[in-house]
Protein backbone atom coordinates (compact mmCIF):
# COMPACT_ATOMS: atom_id res chain seq x y z
CA MET A 1 2.27 -56.11 -8.04
CA THR A 2 5.22 -53.79 -8.66
CA SER A 3 6.93 -52.10 -5.73
CA ASP A 4 7.89 -48.43 -6.09
CA THR A 5 11.54 -48.19 -5.87
CA LYS A 6 13.56 -45.11 -5.28
CA ALA A 7 14.50 -44.95 -9.15
CA ALA A 8 10.60 -45.10 -9.89
CA TRP A 9 10.11 -42.20 -7.49
CA ARG A 10 12.85 -40.09 -9.05
CA ARG A 11 11.38 -40.61 -12.44
CA ARG A 12 8.13 -39.62 -11.48
CA ALA A 13 9.49 -36.45 -9.74
CA LEU A 14 11.79 -35.79 -12.92
CA ARG A 15 8.63 -36.16 -14.92
CA ALA A 16 6.66 -33.91 -12.91
CA GLU A 17 9.17 -31.08 -12.94
CA HIS A 18 9.46 -31.30 -16.64
CA GLU A 19 5.84 -31.09 -16.97
CA LEU A 20 5.63 -28.00 -14.57
CA GLU A 21 8.40 -26.26 -16.59
CA THR A 22 6.46 -26.87 -19.81
CA LEU A 23 3.31 -25.44 -18.30
CA ARG A 24 5.36 -22.40 -17.20
CA ARG A 25 6.54 -21.97 -20.61
CA ILE A 26 3.34 -22.21 -22.15
CA ARG A 27 1.90 -19.59 -19.69
CA SER A 28 4.77 -17.24 -20.14
CA PHE A 29 4.20 -17.32 -24.21
CA GLU A 30 0.57 -16.74 -23.43
CA HIS A 31 1.11 -13.78 -21.14
CA LYS A 32 3.35 -12.21 -23.73
CA GLN A 33 0.65 -12.46 -26.10
CA GLU A 34 -1.91 -10.94 -23.93
CA LEU A 35 0.39 -7.94 -23.63
CA GLN A 36 1.25 -7.66 -27.09
CA MET A 37 -2.66 -7.77 -27.86
CA ALA A 38 -3.26 -4.99 -25.23
CA ARG A 39 -0.76 -2.77 -26.95
CA VAL A 40 -2.41 -3.18 -30.34
CA ASP A 41 -5.64 -2.25 -28.81
CA ALA A 42 -4.50 0.67 -27.26
CA ALA A 43 -2.86 1.69 -30.45
CA GLN A 44 -5.85 0.95 -32.55
CA ALA A 45 -8.24 2.91 -30.03
CA THR A 46 -5.97 6.10 -29.91
CA ALA A 47 -5.61 6.04 -33.81
CA LEU A 48 -9.43 5.77 -34.25
CA ARG A 49 -9.89 8.61 -31.70
CA GLU A 50 -7.49 10.67 -33.49
CA ILE A 51 -9.04 9.90 -37.23
CA GLN A 52 -12.50 10.72 -35.49
CA ASN A 53 -11.13 14.07 -34.20
CA ILE A 54 -9.53 14.98 -37.72
CA LEU A 55 -12.92 14.02 -39.23
CA ASN A 56 -14.78 16.25 -36.87
CA ASP A 57 -12.51 19.18 -37.41
CA LEU A 58 -12.62 18.82 -41.26
CA ARG A 59 -16.39 18.97 -41.13
CA GLY A 60 -16.81 21.49 -38.51
CA ASP A 61 -19.42 19.24 -36.86
CA GLU A 62 -20.19 18.68 -33.01
CA PRO A 63 -17.70 16.20 -31.38
CA THR A 64 -20.56 13.42 -31.50
CA ALA A 65 -21.80 13.92 -34.94
CA GLY A 66 -19.97 11.35 -36.61
CA LEU A 67 -20.71 8.45 -34.10
CA ILE A 68 -24.57 8.77 -34.22
């Protein structure tokens, strides 16, 4: 049986702090990716609406004619 020394507790605490910092970095990276994907999705949705409006104007159709 080994006894828990002050040094062992310190090593555990340092390891736990390191793991926590690693998890924080991972979460920060994931959050940045999510924001970037949301921006891309919004830009694509806007572009698709604009394209649909242009096509409708060129056809002279009702706004939903190309969607049905």
